Amino acid sequence: KRKLALELFTDWINKHNPANIDDLKNKLSEDLQKRTVALVEQIPEKRKNRYHMQEDALIELPSGERIAISNQWGLGTIELLIDFVRQDNFVVEKVG
């Protein structure tokens, strides 16, 4: 689920190219605004293990802000994310 969430967010951000973190959060549904994306420099050290912090997983927005995507996804939240991107004509299929 965590890799799926990272891929979905990365693809969605690449498509919509939000200018900054506020623009990004304004475009997300309310349920997805909470704890799903964060500015790298604002993540407390003790919570960094809850985000994709590898250099190749961090996303730089046009504003220069670098964001990290949460790696904490339950079935309910991953379904919210899938529903959100499907509203934008993303195709997400279950395999296997």
PDB file of N, CA and C in Angstrom:
ATOM      1  N   LYS A   1       0.827  -1.202   0.000  1.00  0.00           N
ATOM      2  CA  LYS A   1       0.000   0.000   0.000  1.00  0.00           C
ATOM      3  C   LYS A   1       0.860   1.250   0.000  1.00  0.00           C
ATOM      4  N   ARG A   2       1.979   1.189   0.734  1.00  0.00           N
ATOM      5  CA  ARG A   2       2.798   2.405   0.816  1.00  0.00           C
ATOM      6  C   ARG A   2       3.416   2.763  -0.526  1.00  0.00           C
ATOM      7  N   LYS A   3       3.855   1.755  -1.297  1.00  0.00           N
ATOM      8  CA  LYS A   3       4.443   2.045  -2.611  1.00  0.00           C
ATOM      9  C   LYS A   3       3.379   2.532  -3.587  1.00  0.00           C
ATOM     10  N   LEU A   4       2.188   1.957  -3.501  1.00  0.00           N
ATOM     11  CA  LEU A   4       1.084   2.400  -4.348  1.00  0.00           C
ATOM     12  C   LEU A   4       0.766   3.867  -4.063  1.00  0.00           C
ATOM     13  N   ALA A   5       0.676   4.219  -2.790  1.00  0.00           N
ATOM     14  CA  ALA A   5       0.376   5.605  -2.410  1.00  0.00           C
ATOM     15  C   ALA A   5       1.448   6.557  -2.932  1.00  0.00           C
ATOM     16  N   LEU A   6       2.706   6.173  -2.796  1.00  0.00           N
ATOM     17  CA  LEU A   6       3.798   7.020  -3.278  1.00  0.00           C
ATOM     18  C   LEU A   6       3.683   7.226  -4.790  1.00  0.00           C
ATOM     19  N   GLU A   7       3.429   6.154  -5.534  1.00  0.00           N
ATOM     20  CA  GLU A   7       3.298   6.262  -6.992  1.00  0.00           C
ATOM     21  C   GLU A   7       2.096   7.118  -7.392  1.00  0.00           C
ATOM     22  N   LEU A   8       0.965   6.897  -6.732  1.00  0.00           N
ATOM     23  CA  LEU A   8      -0.236   7.672  -7.065  1.00  0.00           C
ATOM     24  C   LEU A   8      -0.025   9.158  -6.800  1.00  0.00           C
ATOM     25  N   PHE A   9       0.542   9.474  -5.631  1.00  0.00           N
ATOM     26  CA  PHE A   9       0.786  10.884  -5.303  1.00  0.00           C
ATOM     27  C   PHE A   9       1.778  11.503  -6.280  1.00  0.00           C
ATOM     28  N   THR A  10       2.857  10.784  -6.576  1.00  0.00           N
ATOM     29  CA  THR A  10       3.874  11.307  -7.485  1.00  0.00           C
ATOM     30  C   THR A  10       3.274  11.589  -8.859  1.00  0.00           C
ATOM     31  N   ASP A  11       2.504  10.637  -9.381  1.00  0.00           N
ATOM     32  CA  ASP A  11       1.881  10.830 -10.696  1.00  0.00           C
ATOM     33  C   ASP A  11       0.881  11.986 -10.674  1.00  0.00           C
ATOM     34  N   TRP A  12       0.083  12.057  -9.611  1.00  0.00           N
ATOM     35  CA  TRP A  12      -0.920  13.118  -9.510  1.00  0.00           C
ATOM     36  C   TRP A  12      -0.237  14.489  -9.433  1.00  0.00           C
ATOM     37  N   ILE A  13       0.811  14.593  -8.643  1.00  0.00           N
ATOM     38  CA  ILE A  13       1.542  15.865  -8.508  1.00  0.00           C
ATOM     39  C   ILE A  13       2.187  16.244  -9.840  1.00  0.00           C
ATOM     40  N   ASN A  14       2.761  15.261 -10.542  1.00  0.00           N
ATOM     41  CA  ASN A  14       3.360  15.548 -11.850  1.00  0.00           C
ATOM     42  C   ASN A  14       2.312  16.061 -12.836  1.00  0.00           C
ATOM     43  N   LYS A  15       1.111  15.524 -12.769  1.00  0.00           N
ATOM     44  CA  LYS A  15       0.046  15.948 -13.683  1.00  0.00           C
ATOM     45  C   LYS A  15      -0.447  17.356 -13.344  1.00  0.00           C
ATOM     46  N   HIS A  16      -0.646  17.641 -12.062  1.00  0.00           N
ATOM     47  CA  HIS A  16      -1.260  18.908 -11.651  1.00  0.00           C
ATOM     48  C   HIS A  16      -0.261  20.006 -11.332  1.00  0.00           C
ATOM     49  N   ASN A  17       0.979  19.638 -11.068  1.00  0.00           N
ATOM     50  CA  ASN A  17       2.050  20.599 -10.830  1.00  0.00           C
ATOM     51  C   ASN A  17       1.651  21.719  -9.862  1.00  0.00           C
ATOM     52  N   PRO A  18       1.223  21.366  -8.636  1.00  0.00           N
ATOM     53  CA  PRO A  18       0.861  22.414  -7.673  1.00  0.00           C
ATOM     54  C   PRO A  18       2.064  23.314  -7.389  1.00  0.00           C
ATOM     55  N   ALA A  19       1.811  24.604  -7.271  1.00  0.00           N
ATOM     56  CA  ALA A  19       2.882  25.590  -7.123  1.00  0.00           C
ATOM     57  C   ALA A  19       3.636  25.447  -5.807  1.00  0.00           C
ATOM     58  N   ASN A  20       2.898  25.102  -4.744  1.00  0.00           N
ATOM     59  CA  ASN A  20       3.514  25.007  -3.423  1.00  0.00           C
ATOM     60  C   ASN A  20       2.677  24.073  -2.550  1.00  0.00           C
ATOM     61  N   ILE A  21       3.101  23.891  -1.305  1.00  0.00           N
ATOM     62  CA  ILE A  21       2.412  22.958  -0.404  1.00  0.00           C
ATOM     63  C   ILE A  21       0.967  23.387  -0.154  1.00  0.00           C
ATOM     64  N   ASP A  22       0.713  24.685  -0.045  1.00  0.00           N
ATOM     65  CA  ASP A  22      -0.663  25.149   0.187  1.00  0.00           C
ATOM     66  C   ASP A  22      -1.554  24.846  -1.015  1.00  0.00           C
ATOM     67  N   ASP A  23      -1.032  25.076  -2.205  1.00  0.00           N
ATOM     68  CA  ASP A  23      -1.769  24.767  -3.430  1.00  0.00           C
ATOM     69  C   ASP A  23      -2.068  23.264  -3.494  1.00  0.00           C
ATOM     70  N   LEU A  24      -1.089  22.461  -3.160  1.00  0.00           N
ATOM     71  CA  LEU A  24      -1.265  21.006  -3.147  1.00  0.00           C
ATOM     72  C   LEU A  24      -2.361  20.602  -2.172  1.00  0.00           C
ATOM     73  N   LYS A  25      -2.274  21.086  -0.943  1.00  0.00           N
ATOM     74  CA  LYS A  25      -3.257  20.697   0.072  1.00  0.00           C
ATOM     75  C   LYS A  25      -4.657  21.194  -0.275  1.00  0.00           C
ATOM     76  N   ASN A  26      -4.753  22.363  -0.909  1.00  0.00           N
ATOM     77  CA  ASN A  26      -6.064  22.884  -1.316  1.00  0.00           C
ATOM     78  C   ASN A  26      -6.731  22.001  -2.364  1.00  0.00           C
ATOM     79  N   LYS A  27      -5.930  21.296  -3.153  1.00  0.00           N
ATOM     80  CA  LYS A  27      -6.473  20.436  -4.204  1.00  0.00           C
ATOM     81  C   LYS A  27      -6.850  19.053  -3.681  1.00  0.00           C
ATOM     82  N   LEU A  28      -6.309  18.685  -2.526  1.00  0.00           N
ATOM     83  CA  LEU A  28      -6.602  17.369  -1.956  1.00  0.00           C
ATOM     84  C   LEU A  28      -7.934  17.392  -1.225  1.00  0.00           C
ATOM     85  N   SER A  29      -8.562  16.232  -1.145  1.00  0.00           N
ATOM     86  CA  SER A  29      -9.774  16.140  -0.330  1.00  0.00           C
ATOM     87  C   SER A  29      -9.382  16.330   1.133  1.00  0.00           C
ATOM     88  N   GLU A  30     -10.328  16.730   1.942  1.00  0.00           N
ATOM     89  CA  GLU A  30     -10.045  17.026   3.352  1.00  0.00           C
ATOM     90  C   GLU A  30      -9.391  15.845   4.068  1.00  0.00           C
ATOM     91  N   ASP A  31      -9.887  14.639   3.817  1.00  0.00           N
ATOM     92  CA  ASP A  31      -9.333  13.460   4.480  1.00  0.00           C
ATOM     93  C   ASP A  31      -7.887  13.196   4.085  1.00  0.00           C
ATOM     94  N   LEU A  32      -7.516  13.577   2.867  1.00  0.00           N
ATOM     95  CA  LEU A  32      -6.147  13.337   2.412  1.00  0.00           C
ATOM     96  C   LEU A  32      -5.186  14.448   2.829  1.00  0.00           C
ATOM     97  N   GLN A  33      -5.695  15.577   3.284  1.00  0.00           N
ATOM     98  CA  GLN A  33      -4.821  16.675   3.704  1.00  0.00           C
ATOM     99  C   GLN A  33      -4.071  16.337   4.985  1.00  0.00           C
ATOM    100  N   LYS A  34      -4.667  15.483   5.796  1.00  0.00           N
ATOM    101  CA  LYS A  34      -4.103  15.183   7.114  1.00  0.00           C
ATOM    102  C   LYS A  34      -3.022  14.108   7.012  1.00  0.00           C
ATOM    103  N   ARG A  35      -1.833  14.443   7.382  1.00  0.00           N
ATOM    104  CA  ARG A  35      -0.743  13.479   7.551  1.00  0.00           C
ATOM    105  C   ARG A  35      -0.356  12.691   6.303  1.00  0.00           C
ATOM    106  N   THR A  36      -0.741  13.127   5.113  1.00  0.00           N
ATOM    107  CA  THR A  36      -0.348  12.373   3.923  1.00  0.00           C
ATOM    108  C   THR A  36       0.862  12.979   3.228  1.00  0.00           C
ATOM    109  N   VAL A  37       0.971  14.302   3.260  1.00  0.00           N
ATOM    110  CA  VAL A  37       2.129  14.992   2.693  1.00  0.00           C
ATOM    111  C   VAL A  37       2.621  16.007   3.713  1.00  0.00           C
ATOM    112  N   ALA A  38       3.934  16.218   3.710  1.00  0.00           N
ATOM    113  CA  ALA A  38       4.510  17.183   4.652  1.00  0.00           C
ATOM    114  C   ALA A  38       5.777  17.780   4.051  1.00  0.00           C
ATOM    115  N   LEU A  39       6.059  19.006   4.447  1.00  0.00           N
ATOM    116  CA  LEU A  39       7.332  19.616   4.070  1.00  0.00           C
ATOM    117  C   LEU A  39       8.450  18.873   4.785  1.00  0.00           C
ATOM    118  N   VAL A  40       9.479  18.512   4.048  1.00  0.00           N
ATOM    119  CA  VAL A  40      10.574  17.720   4.606  1.00  0.00           C
ATOM    120  C   VAL A  40      11.154  18.380   5.850  1.00  0.00           C
ATOM    121  N   GLU A  41      11.393  19.699   5.773  1.00  0.00           N
ATOM    122  CA  GLU A  41      12.056  20.366   6.904  1.00  0.00           C
ATOM    123  C   GLU A  41      11.150  20.517   8.124  1.00  0.00           C
ATOM    124  N   GLN A  42       9.855  20.241   7.971  1.00  0.00           N
ATOM    125  CA  GLN A  42       8.945  20.362   9.116  1.00  0.00           C
ATOM    126  C   GLN A  42       8.610  19.021   9.767  1.00  0.00           C
ATOM    127  N   ILE A  43       9.172  17.939   9.250  1.00  0.00           N
ATOM    128  CA  ILE A  43       8.900  16.625   9.837  1.00  0.00           C
ATOM    129  C   ILE A  43       9.849  16.425  11.012  1.00  0.00           C
ATOM    130  N   PRO A  44       9.307  16.244  12.223  1.00  0.00           N
ATOM    131  CA  PRO A  44      10.180  16.024  13.380  1.00  0.00           C
ATOM    132  C   PRO A  44      11.024  14.762  13.192  1.00  0.00           C
ATOM    133  N   GLU A  45      12.237  14.790  13.696  1.00  0.00           N
ATOM    134  CA  GLU A  45      13.167  13.665  13.545  1.00  0.00           C
ATOM    135  C   GLU A  45      12.516  12.336  13.918  1.00  0.00           C
ATOM    136  N   LYS A  46      11.784  12.325  15.032  1.00  0.00           N
ATOM    137  CA  LYS A  46      11.195  11.069  15.512  1.00  0.00           C
ATOM    138  C   LYS A  46      10.035  10.578  14.641  1.00  0.00           C
ATOM    139  N   ARG A  47       9.568  11.398  13.703  1.00  0.00           N
ATOM    140  CA  ARG A  47       8.463  10.983  12.818  1.00  0.00           C
ATOM    141  C   ARG A  47       8.919  10.730  11.382  1.00  0.00           C
ATOM    142  N   LYS A  48      10.194  10.933  11.115  1.00  0.00           N
ATOM    143  CA  LYS A  48      10.697  10.767   9.744  1.00  0.00           C
ATOM    144  C   LYS A  48      10.528   9.343   9.231  1.00  0.00           C
ATOM    145  N   ASN A  49      10.510   8.370  10.143  1.00  0.00           N
ATOM    146  CA  ASN A  49      10.342   6.979   9.709  1.00  0.00           C
ATOM    147  C   ASN A  49       8.921   6.712   9.209  1.00  0.00           C
ATOM    148  N   ARG A  50       8.024   7.662   9.363  1.00  0.00           N
ATOM    149  CA  ARG A  50       6.638   7.511   8.908  1.00  0.00           C
ATOM    150  C   ARG A  50       6.412   8.122   7.516  1.00  0.00           C
ATOM    151  N   TYR A  51       7.496   8.563   6.895  1.00  0.00           N
ATOM    152  CA  TYR A  51       7.432   9.174   5.562  1.00  0.00           C
ATOM    153  C   TYR A  51       8.473   8.536   4.648  1.00  0.00           C
ATOM    154  N   HIS A  52       8.217   8.604   3.347  1.00  0.00           N
ATOM    155  CA  HIS A  52       9.204   8.175   2.352  1.00  0.00           C
ATOM    156  C   HIS A  52      10.277   9.266   2.304  1.00  0.00           C
ATOM    157  N   MET A  53      11.391   9.038   2.987  1.00  0.00           N
ATOM    158  CA  MET A  53      12.426  10.063   3.101  1.00  0.00           C
ATOM    159  C   MET A  53      13.637   9.807   2.193  1.00  0.00           C
ATOM    160  N   GLN A  54      13.597   8.731   1.404  1.00  0.00           N
ATOM    161  CA  GLN A  54      14.702   8.474   0.485  1.00  0.00           C
ATOM    162  C   GLN A  54      14.765   9.622  -0.525  1.00  0.00           C
ATOM    163  N   GLU A  55      15.959   9.992  -0.898  1.00  0.00           N
ATOM    164  CA  GLU A  55      16.145  11.145  -1.783  1.00  0.00           C
ATOM    165  C   GLU A  55      15.314  11.025  -3.063  1.00  0.00           C
ATOM    166  N   ASP A  56      15.237   9.824  -3.637  1.00  0.00           N
ATOM    167  CA  ASP A  56      14.502   9.666  -4.896  1.00  0.00           C
ATOM    168  C   ASP A  56      12.988   9.641  -4.701  1.00  0.00           C
ATOM    169  N   ALA A  57      12.523   9.623  -3.448  1.00  0.00           N
ATOM    170  CA  ALA A  57      11.082   9.633  -3.172  1.00  0.00           C
ATOM    171  C   ALA A  57      10.582  11.034  -2.817  1.00  0.00           C
ATOM    172  N   LEU A  58      11.497  11.954  -2.517  1.00  0.00           N
ATOM    173  CA  LEU A  58      11.100  13.320  -2.180  1.00  0.00           C
ATOM    174  C   LEU A  58      10.685  14.054  -3.452  1.00  0.00           C
ATOM    175  N   ILE A  59       9.716  14.930  -3.328  1.00  0.00           N
ATOM    176  CA  ILE A  59       9.188  15.653  -4.485  1.00  0.00           C
ATOM    177  C   ILE A  59       9.436  17.142  -4.284  1.00  0.00           C
ATOM    178  N   GLU A  60      10.049  17.763  -5.299  1.00  0.00           N
ATOM    179  CA  GLU A  60      10.268  19.210  -5.229  1.00  0.00           C
ATOM    180  C   GLU A  60       9.180  19.918  -6.029  1.00  0.00           C
ATOM    181  N   LEU A  61       8.512  20.844  -5.368  1.00  0.00           N
ATOM    182  CA  LEU A  61       7.457  21.630  -6.003  1.00  0.00           C
ATOM    183  C   LEU A  61       8.082  22.843  -6.693  1.00  0.00           C
ATOM    184  N   PRO A  62       7.366  23.486  -7.624  1.00  0.00           N
ATOM    185  CA  PRO A  62       7.910  24.662  -8.307  1.00  0.00           C
ATOM    186  C   PRO A  62       8.405  25.757  -7.354  1.00  0.00           C
ATOM    187  N   SER A  63       7.827  25.828  -6.159  1.00  0.00           N
ATOM    188  CA  SER A  63       8.231  26.833  -5.168  1.00  0.00           C
ATOM    189  C   SER A  63       9.604  26.535  -4.573  1.00  0.00           C
ATOM    190  N   GLY A  64      10.137  25.323  -4.851  1.00  0.00           N
ATOM    191  CA  GLY A  64      11.392  24.902  -4.236  1.00  0.00           C
ATOM    192  C   GLY A  64      11.166  24.093  -2.973  1.00  0.00           C
ATOM    193  N   GLU A  65       9.933  24.070  -2.483  1.00  0.00           N
ATOM    194  CA  GLU A  65       9.612  23.276  -1.295  1.00  0.00           C
ATOM    195  C   GLU A  65       9.762  21.792  -1.636  1.00  0.00           C
ATOM    196  N   ARG A  66      10.334  21.051  -0.686  1.00  0.00           N
ATOM    197  CA  ARG A  66      10.467  19.605  -0.865  1.00  0.00           C
ATOM    198  C   ARG A  66       9.494  18.920   0.077  1.00  0.00           C
ATOM    199  N   ILE A  67       8.711  18.004  -0.490  1.00  0.00           N
ATOM    200  CA  ILE A  67       7.711  17.309   0.310  1.00  0.00           C
ATOM    201  C   ILE A  67       8.004  15.817   0.349  1.00  0.00           C
ATOM    202  N   ALA A  68       7.512  15.205   1.417  1.00  0.00           N
ATOM    203  CA  ALA A  68       7.593  13.757   1.581  1.00  0.00           C
ATOM    204  C   ALA A  68       6.171  13.228   1.701  1.00  0.00           C
ATOM    205  N   ILE A  69       5.975  12.021   1.203  1.00  0.00           N
ATOM    206  CA  ILE A  69       4.675  11.353   1.240  1.00  0.00           C
ATOM    207  C   ILE A  69       4.683  10.350   2.383  1.00  0.00           C
ATOM    208  N   SER A  70       3.591  10.287   3.105  1.00  0.00           N
ATOM    209  CA  SER A  70       3.463   9.348   4.218  1.00  0.00           C
ATOM    210  C   SER A  70       3.629   7.912   3.736  1.00  0.00           C
ATOM    211  N   ASN A  71       4.173   7.054   4.604  1.00  0.00           N
ATOM    212  CA  ASN A  71       4.211   5.623   4.302  1.00  0.00           C
ATOM    213  C   ASN A  71       3.257   4.861   5.222  1.00  0.00           C
ATOM    214  N   GLN A  72       2.378   5.584   5.892  1.00  0.00           N
ATOM    215  CA  GLN A  72       1.407   4.996   6.821  1.00  0.00           C
ATOM    216  C   GLN A  72       0.031   4.975   6.162  1.00  0.00           C
ATOM    217  N   TRP A  73      -0.306   3.862   5.541  1.00  0.00           N
ATOM    218  CA  TRP A  73      -1.558   3.758   4.804  1.00  0.00           C
ATOM    219  C   TRP A  73      -2.322   2.524   5.236  1.00  0.00           C
ATOM    220  N   GLY A  74      -3.506   2.750   5.781  1.00  0.00           N
ATOM    221  CA  GLY A  74      -4.412   1.650   6.081  1.00  0.00           C
ATOM    222  C   GLY A  74      -5.330   1.437   4.890  1.00  0.00           C
ATOM    223  N   LEU A  75      -6.136   0.412   4.965  1.00  0.00           N
ATOM    224  CA  LEU A  75      -7.053   0.105   3.869  1.00  0.00           C
ATOM    225  C   LEU A  75      -8.003   1.272   3.599  1.00  0.00           C
ATOM    226  N   GLY A  76      -8.518   1.896   4.653  1.00  0.00           N
ATOM    227  CA  GLY A  76      -9.446   3.011   4.483  1.00  0.00           C
ATOM    228  C   GLY A  76      -8.810   4.200   3.794  1.00  0.00           C
ATOM    229  N   THR A  77      -7.600   4.568   4.200  1.00  0.00           N
ATOM    230  CA  THR A  77      -6.965   5.751   3.613  1.00  0.00           C
ATOM    231  C   THR A  77      -6.477   5.482   2.197  1.00  0.00           C
ATOM    232  N   ILE A  78      -6.006   4.267   1.927  1.00  0.00           N
ATOM    233  CA  ILE A  78      -5.564   3.983   0.557  1.00  0.00           C
ATOM    234  C   ILE A  78      -6.769   3.999  -0.384  1.00  0.00           C
ATOM    235  N   GLU A  79      -7.925   3.539   0.093  1.00  0.00           N
ATOM    236  CA  GLU A  79      -9.131   3.593  -0.738  1.00  0.00           C
ATOM    237  C   GLU A  79      -9.557   5.037  -0.998  1.00  0.00           C
ATOM    238  N   LEU A  80      -9.403   5.913   0.004  1.00  0.00           N
ATOM    239  CA  LEU A  80      -9.687   7.342  -0.205  1.00  0.00           C
ATOM    240  C   LEU A  80      -8.793   7.918  -1.300  1.00  0.00           C
ATOM    241  N   LEU A  81      -7.512   7.555  -1.259  1.00  0.00           N
ATOM    242  CA  LEU A  81      -6.567   8.052  -2.262  1.00  0.00           C
ATOM    243  C   LEU A  81      -6.917   7.515  -3.648  1.00  0.00           C
ATOM    244  N   ILE A  82      -7.222   6.225  -3.735  1.00  0.00           N
ATOM    245  CA  ILE A  82      -7.587   5.634  -5.026  1.00  0.00           C
ATOM    246  C   ILE A  82      -8.843   6.311  -5.583  1.00  0.00           C
ATOM    247  N   ASP A  83      -9.854   6.503  -4.745  1.00  0.00           N
ATOM    248  CA  ASP A  83     -11.075   7.185  -5.191  1.00  0.00           C
ATOM    249  C   ASP A  83     -10.772   8.606  -5.661  1.00  0.00           C
ATOM    250  N   PHE A  84      -9.898   9.298  -4.927  1.00  0.00           N
ATOM    251  CA  PHE A  84      -9.534  10.674  -5.266  1.00  0.00           C
ATOM    252  C   PHE A  84      -8.882  10.744  -6.653  1.00  0.00           C
ATOM    253  N   VAL A  85      -7.904   9.882  -6.924  1.00  0.00           N
ATOM    254  CA  VAL A  85      -7.221   9.960  -8.223  1.00  0.00           C
ATOM    255  C   VAL A  85      -8.106   9.435  -9.354  1.00  0.00           C
ATOM    256  N   ARG A  86      -8.998   8.492  -9.045  1.00  0.00           N
ATOM    257  CA  ARG A  86      -9.925   8.004 -10.080  1.00  0.00           C
ATOM    258  C   ARG A  86     -10.870   9.113 -10.538  1.00  0.00           C
ATOM    259  N   GLN A  87     -11.222  10.039  -9.646  1.00  0.00           N
ATOM    260  CA  GLN A  87     -12.064  11.179 -10.031  1.00  0.00           C
ATOM    261  C   GLN A  87     -11.359  12.042 -11.073  1.00  0.00           C
ATOM    262  N   ASP A  88     -10.056  11.886 -11.153  1.00  0.00           N
ATOM    263  CA  ASP A  88      -9.237  12.652 -12.088  1.00  0.00           C
ATOM    264  C   ASP A  88      -8.832  11.784 -13.290  1.00  0.00           C
ATOM    265  N   ASN A  89      -9.606  10.724 -13.513  1.00  0.00           N
ATOM    266  CA  ASN A  89      -9.403   9.815 -14.646  1.00  0.00           C
ATOM    267  C   ASN A  89      -8.133   8.979 -14.574  1.00  0.00           C
ATOM    268  N   PHE A  90      -7.564   8.819 -13.382  1.00  0.00           N
ATOM    269  CA  PHE A  90      -6.466   7.877 -13.222  1.00  0.00           C
ATOM    270  C   PHE A  90      -7.060   6.475 -13.211  1.00  0.00           C
ATOM    271  N   VAL A  91      -6.350   5.528 -13.789  1.00  0.00           N
ATOM    272  CA  VAL A  91      -6.801   4.139 -13.803  1.00  0.00           C
ATOM    273  C   VAL A  91      -5.967   3.363 -12.795  1.00  0.00           C
ATOM    274  N   VAL A  92      -6.649   2.793 -11.802  1.00  0.00           N
ATOM    275  CA  VAL A  92      -5.984   1.983 -10.779  1.00  0.00           C
ATOM    276  C   VAL A  92      -6.677   0.633 -10.794  1.00  0.00           C
ATOM    277  N   GLU A  93      -5.902  -0.406 -11.108  1.00  0.00           N
ATOM    278  CA  GLU A  93      -6.482  -1.741 -11.198  1.00  0.00           C
ATOM    279  C   GLU A  93      -5.820  -2.675 -10.210  1.00  0.00           C
ATOM    280  N   LYS A  94      -6.619  -3.570  -9.664  1.00  0.00           N
ATOM    281  CA  LYS A  94      -6.101  -4.601  -8.771  1.00  0.00           C
ATOM    282  C   LYS A  94      -5.543  -5.725  -9.637  1.00  0.00           C
ATOM    283  N   VAL A  95      -4.329  -6.153  -9.342  1.00  0.00           N
ATOM    284  CA  VAL A  95      -3.684  -7.211 -10.111  1.00  0.00           C
ATOM    285  C   VAL A  95      -3.452  -8.395  -9.199  1.00  0.00           C
ATOM    286  N   GLY A  96      -3.755  -9.569  -9.715  1.00  0.00           N
ATOM    287  CA  GLY A  96      -3.454 -10.792  -8.970  1.00  0.00           C
ATOM    288  C   GLY A  96      -4.457 -11.242  -8.012  1.00  0.00           C
TER     289      GLY A  96
END
